Amino acid sequence: MVSSDSPPGHELPVLDLQNAWDISVDTGGPDLAINFLTDYMNLLHVRMFRILAALTAEDPEPAVNAVLSLKTSSSIAGALEIEGSCGVLLAAIAAGNFQLARVLAVDLGDHVDRMAAAAPAVLKHANEYLYHRAIGPSPVSTPSN
């Protein structure tokens, strides 16, 4: 998981980096995983805009597709708060309750805004974690006799 030593109230959003690590193992290094996380962060607001537009139009198919896009990419990225909010939002859309869905989208938007604002620091931590884990800890030197 990625977090920070930020002051209380200013904690970074948390990413569960197990999927990113799995990608690193499968591809022989962390570069592809870091690229995915970077693209994920860069597309957060685009995906949120698609969700809001579909909810405003009260069009279920584009709304479901937009939410599923964010939910799936969030799952892969390890953004569990965003993924969870998407699941709740999908249930409201499936029930045809667009009024509730728009309210829930505000909460989702808060999570997205928080993640996007913290993206540089979150990506820095993810990068350090994945590269350190790929290389492994440096050998401990023992005193010579």
C-alpha atoms as a PDB file:
ATOM      1  CA  MET A   1       0.000   0.000   0.000  1.00  0.00           C
ATOM      2  CA  VAL A   2       1.098   3.528  -0.611  1.00  0.00           C
ATOM      3  CA  SER A   3       0.561   6.170   2.004  1.00  0.00           C
ATOM      4  CA  SER A   4       2.563   9.020   3.415  1.00  0.00           C
ATOM      5  CA  ASP A   5       3.850  10.657   6.527  1.00  0.00           C
ATOM      6  CA  SER A   6       1.721  13.710   5.755  1.00  0.00           C
ATOM      7  CA  PRO A   7       0.202  15.736   8.561  1.00  0.00           C
ATOM      8  CA  PRO A   8      -3.206  14.551   9.829  1.00  0.00           C
ATOM      9  CA  GLY A   9      -5.973  15.555   7.467  1.00  0.00           C
ATOM     10  CA  HIS A  10      -3.541  15.658   4.534  1.00  0.00           C
ATOM     11  CA  GLU A  11      -2.907  11.966   4.029  1.00  0.00           C
ATOM     12  CA  LEU A  12      -2.369  10.766   0.507  1.00  0.00           C
ATOM     13  CA  PRO A  13      -5.009   8.509  -0.985  1.00  0.00           C
ATOM     14  CA  VAL A  14      -4.014   4.882  -0.629  1.00  0.00           C
ATOM     15  CA  LEU A  15      -3.193   2.579  -3.504  1.00  0.00           C
ATOM     16  CA  ASP A  16      -2.986  -1.156  -2.987  1.00  0.00           C
ATOM     17  CA  LEU A  17       0.011  -1.883  -5.185  1.00  0.00           C
ATOM     18  CA  GLN A  18      -0.353  -5.670  -5.380  1.00  0.00           C
ATOM     19  CA  ASN A  19      -1.749  -5.547  -8.937  1.00  0.00           C
ATOM     20  CA  ALA A  20       0.989  -3.117  -9.988  1.00  0.00           C
ATOM     21  CA  TRP A  21       3.548  -5.474  -8.492  1.00  0.00           C
ATOM     22  CA  ASP A  22       1.982  -8.419 -10.352  1.00  0.00           C
ATOM     23  CA  ILE A  23       2.257  -6.438 -13.597  1.00  0.00           C
ATOM     24  CA  SER A  24       5.901  -5.718 -12.761  1.00  0.00           C
ATOM     25  CA  VAL A  25       6.627  -9.397 -12.227  1.00  0.00           C
ATOM     26  CA  ASP A  26       4.769 -10.433 -15.398  1.00  0.00           C
ATOM     27  CA  THR A  27       6.556  -7.869 -17.555  1.00  0.00           C
ATOM     28  CA  GLY A  28      10.033  -8.140 -16.076  1.00  0.00           C
ATOM     29  CA  GLY A  29      10.118  -4.755 -14.370  1.00  0.00           C
ATOM     30  CA  PRO A  30       8.017  -1.921 -13.005  1.00  0.00           C
ATOM     31  CA  ASP A  31       8.001   0.332 -16.083  1.00  0.00           C
ATOM     32  CA  LEU A  32       4.689  -0.872 -17.531  1.00  0.00           C
ATOM     33  CA  ALA A  33       3.011  -0.752 -14.102  1.00  0.00           C
ATOM     34  CA  ILE A  34       4.233   2.810 -13.512  1.00  0.00           C
ATOM     35  CA  ASN A  35       3.037   3.803 -16.997  1.00  0.00           C
ATOM     36  CA  PHE A  36      -0.390   2.308 -16.266  1.00  0.00           C
ATOM     37  CA  LEU A  37      -0.653   4.160 -12.944  1.00  0.00           C
ATOM     38  CA  THR A  38       0.399   7.405 -14.627  1.00  0.00           C
ATOM     39  CA  ASP A  39      -2.190   6.976 -17.388  1.00  0.00           C
ATOM     40  CA  TYR A  40      -4.799   6.066 -14.767  1.00  0.00           C
ATOM     41  CA  MET A  41      -4.133   9.301 -12.871  1.00  0.00           C
ATOM     42  CA  ASN A  42      -4.129  11.370 -16.068  1.00  0.00           C
ATOM     43  CA  LEU A  43      -7.519   9.992 -17.137  1.00  0.00           C
ATOM     44  CA  LEU A  44      -9.346  10.311 -13.810  1.00  0.00           C
ATOM     45  CA  HIS A  45     -11.091  13.585 -14.629  1.00  0.00           C
ATOM     46  CA  VAL A  46     -11.886  12.488 -18.194  1.00  0.00           C
ATOM     47  CA  ARG A  47     -13.593   9.374 -16.865  1.00  0.00           C
ATOM     48  CA  MET A  48     -15.426  11.390 -14.204  1.00  0.00           C
ATOM     49  CA  PHE A  49     -16.672  13.832 -16.864  1.00  0.00           C
ATOM     50  CA  ARG A  50     -18.080  10.923 -18.906  1.00  0.00           C
ATOM     51  CA  ILE A  51     -19.907   9.645 -15.826  1.00  0.00           C
ATOM     52  CA  LEU A  52     -21.402  13.043 -15.011  1.00  0.00           C
ATOM     53  CA  ALA A  53     -22.487  13.646 -18.606  1.00  0.00           C
ATOM     54  CA  ALA A  54     -24.235  10.263 -18.785  1.00  0.00           C
ATOM     55  CA  LEU A  55     -25.937  10.801 -15.422  1.00  0.00           C
ATOM     56  CA  THR A  56     -27.124  14.253 -16.482  1.00  0.00           C
ATOM     57  CA  ALA A  57     -28.596  12.744 -19.651  1.00  0.00           C
ATOM     58  CA  GLU A  58     -30.097   9.919 -17.561  1.00  0.00           C
ATOM     59  CA  ASP A  59     -28.847   7.474 -20.169  1.00  0.00           C
ATOM     60  CA  PRO A  60     -28.229   4.136 -18.442  1.00  0.00           C
ATOM     61  CA  GLU A  61     -25.998   2.406 -21.010  1.00  0.00           C
ATOM     62  CA  PRO A  62     -23.356   5.167 -21.301  1.00  0.00           C
ATOM     63  CA  ALA A  63     -23.579   5.708 -17.531  1.00  0.00           C
ATOM     64  CA  VAL A  64     -22.880   2.042 -16.814  1.00  0.00           C
ATOM     65  CA  ASN A  65     -20.070   1.944 -19.394  1.00  0.00           C
ATOM     66  CA  ALA A  66     -18.439   5.082 -17.967  1.00  0.00           C
ATOM     67  CA  VAL A  67     -18.659   3.851 -14.373  1.00  0.00           C
ATOM     68  CA  LEU A  68     -17.387   0.396 -15.329  1.00  0.00           C
ATOM     69  CA  SER A  69     -14.411   1.989 -17.088  1.00  0.00           C
ATOM     70  CA  LEU A  70     -13.450   3.896 -13.934  1.00  0.00           C
ATOM     71  CA  LYS A  71     -14.246   0.943 -11.657  1.00  0.00           C
ATOM     72  CA  THR A  72     -12.136  -1.506 -13.657  1.00  0.00           C
ATOM     73  CA  SER A  73      -9.156   0.801 -14.040  1.00  0.00           C
ATOM     74  CA  SER A  74      -9.382   1.702 -10.339  1.00  0.00           C
ATOM     75  CA  SER A  75      -9.356  -1.964  -9.413  1.00  0.00           C
ATOM     76  CA  ILE A  76      -6.211  -2.555 -11.454  1.00  0.00           C
ATOM     77  CA  ALA A  77      -4.595   0.600 -10.045  1.00  0.00           C
ATOM     78  CA  GLY A  78      -5.474  -0.433  -6.502  1.00  0.00           C
ATOM     79  CA  ALA A  79      -7.596   2.688  -5.873  1.00  0.00           C
ATOM     80  CA  LEU A  80     -10.007   0.835  -3.632  1.00  0.00           C
ATOM     81  CA  GLU A  81     -12.008   3.872  -2.421  1.00  0.00           C
ATOM     82  CA  ILE A  82     -12.777   4.905  -5.982  1.00  0.00           C
ATOM     83  CA  GLU A  83     -13.547   1.324  -6.991  1.00  0.00           C
ATOM     84  CA  GLY A  84     -15.942   0.958  -4.053  1.00  0.00           C
ATOM     85  CA  SER A  85     -17.720   4.230  -4.815  1.00  0.00           C
ATOM     86  CA  CYS A  86     -18.167   3.059  -8.404  1.00  0.00           C
ATOM     87  CA  GLY A  87     -19.826  -0.131  -7.177  1.00  0.00           C
ATOM     88  CA  VAL A  88     -22.365   1.813  -5.115  1.00  0.00           C
ATOM     89  CA  LEU A  89     -22.994   4.148  -8.048  1.00  0.00           C
ATOM     90  CA  LEU A  90     -23.561   1.205 -10.402  1.00  0.00           C
ATOM     91  CA  ALA A  91     -26.258  -0.144  -8.079  1.00  0.00           C
ATOM     92  CA  ALA A  92     -28.133   3.181  -8.184  1.00  0.00           C
ATOM     93  CA  ILE A  93     -27.919   3.286 -11.984  1.00  0.00           C
ATOM     94  CA  ALA A  94     -29.106  -0.331 -12.244  1.00  0.00           C
ATOM     95  CA  ALA A  95     -32.104   0.608 -10.084  1.00  0.00           C
ATOM     96  CA  GLY A  96     -32.854   3.511 -12.445  1.00  0.00           C
ATOM     97  CA  ASN A  97     -32.432   6.013  -9.615  1.00  0.00           C
ATOM     98  CA  PHE A  98     -30.559   8.778 -11.412  1.00  0.00           C
ATOM     99  CA  GLN A  99     -31.312  11.307  -8.684  1.00  0.00           C
ATOM    100  CA  LEU A 100     -29.476   9.130  -6.146  1.00  0.00           C
ATOM    101  CA  ALA A 101     -26.784   8.347  -8.716  1.00  0.00           C
ATOM    102  CA  ARG A 102     -26.038  12.056  -9.147  1.00  0.00           C
ATOM    103  CA  VAL A 103     -25.725  12.451  -5.361  1.00  0.00           C
ATOM    104  CA  LEU A 104     -23.412   9.432  -5.194  1.00  0.00           C
ATOM    105  CA  ALA A 105     -21.392  10.849  -8.081  1.00  0.00           C
ATOM    106  CA  VAL A 106     -20.549  13.846  -5.892  1.00  0.00           C
ATOM    107  CA  ASP A 107     -18.912  11.483  -3.378  1.00  0.00           C
ATOM    108  CA  LEU A 108     -17.119   9.661  -6.189  1.00  0.00           C
ATOM    109  CA  GLY A 109     -15.966  13.010  -7.581  1.00  0.00           C
ATOM    110  CA  ASP A 110     -14.487  13.907  -4.193  1.00  0.00           C
ATOM    111  CA  HIS A 111     -12.444  10.684  -4.216  1.00  0.00           C
ATOM    112  CA  VAL A 112     -11.361  11.319  -7.805  1.00  0.00           C
ATOM    113  CA  ASP A 113     -10.392  14.938  -7.055  1.00  0.00           C
ATOM    114  CA  ARG A 114      -8.403  13.864  -4.014  1.00  0.00           C
ATOM    115  CA  MET A 115      -6.550  11.175  -5.958  1.00  0.00           C
ATOM    116  CA  ALA A 116      -5.865  13.466  -8.916  1.00  0.00           C
ATOM    117  CA  ALA A 117      -4.564  16.240  -6.647  1.00  0.00           C
ATOM    118  CA  ALA A 118      -2.243  13.803  -4.906  1.00  0.00           C
ATOM    119  CA  ALA A 119      -1.166  12.075  -8.131  1.00  0.00           C
ATOM    120  CA  PRO A 120       2.430  13.384  -8.214  1.00  0.00           C
ATOM    121  CA  ALA A 121       3.132  12.273  -4.637  1.00  0.00           C
ATOM    122  CA  VAL A 122       1.219   8.992  -4.995  1.00  0.00           C
ATOM    123  CA  LEU A 123       3.076   8.155  -8.214  1.00  0.00           C
ATOM    124  CA  LYS A 124       6.396   9.033  -6.592  1.00  0.00           C
ATOM    125  CA  HIS A 125       5.683   6.640  -3.724  1.00  0.00           C
ATOM    126  CA  ALA A 126       4.476   3.922  -6.102  1.00  0.00           C
ATOM    127  CA  ASN A 127       7.564   4.357  -8.258  1.00  0.00           C
ATOM    128  CA  GLU A 128       9.902   4.134  -5.277  1.00  0.00           C
ATOM    129  CA  TYR A 129       8.080   1.120  -3.860  1.00  0.00           C
ATOM    130  CA  LEU A 130       7.952  -0.854  -7.112  1.00  0.00           C
ATOM    131  CA  TYR A 131      11.567  -0.127  -8.092  1.00  0.00           C
ATOM    132  CA  HIS A 132      12.840  -0.861  -4.596  1.00  0.00           C
ATOM    133  CA  ARG A 133      10.881  -4.108  -4.475  1.00  0.00           C
ATOM    134  CA  ALA A 134      12.119  -5.089  -7.959  1.00  0.00           C
ATOM    135  CA  ILE A 135      15.732  -4.468  -7.054  1.00  0.00           C
ATOM    136  CA  GLY A 136      15.408  -5.736  -3.493  1.00  0.00           C
ATOM    137  CA  PRO A 137      17.037  -4.428  -0.388  1.00  0.00           C
ATOM    138  CA  SER A 138      20.719  -3.744  -0.605  1.00  0.00           C
ATOM    139  CA  PRO A 139      22.851  -6.452   0.935  1.00  0.00           C
ATOM    140  CA  VAL A 140      23.723  -5.920   4.561  1.00  0.00           C
ATOM    141  CA  SER A 141      27.433  -5.577   4.982  1.00  0.00           C
ATOM    142  CA  THR A 142      29.033  -7.557   7.730  1.00  0.00           C
ATOM    143  CA  PRO A 143      32.159  -6.482   9.506  1.00  0.00           C
ATOM    144  CA  SER A 144      35.326  -8.147   8.247  1.00  0.00           C
ATOM    145  CA  ASN A 145      37.415 -10.088  10.682  1.00  0.00           C
END
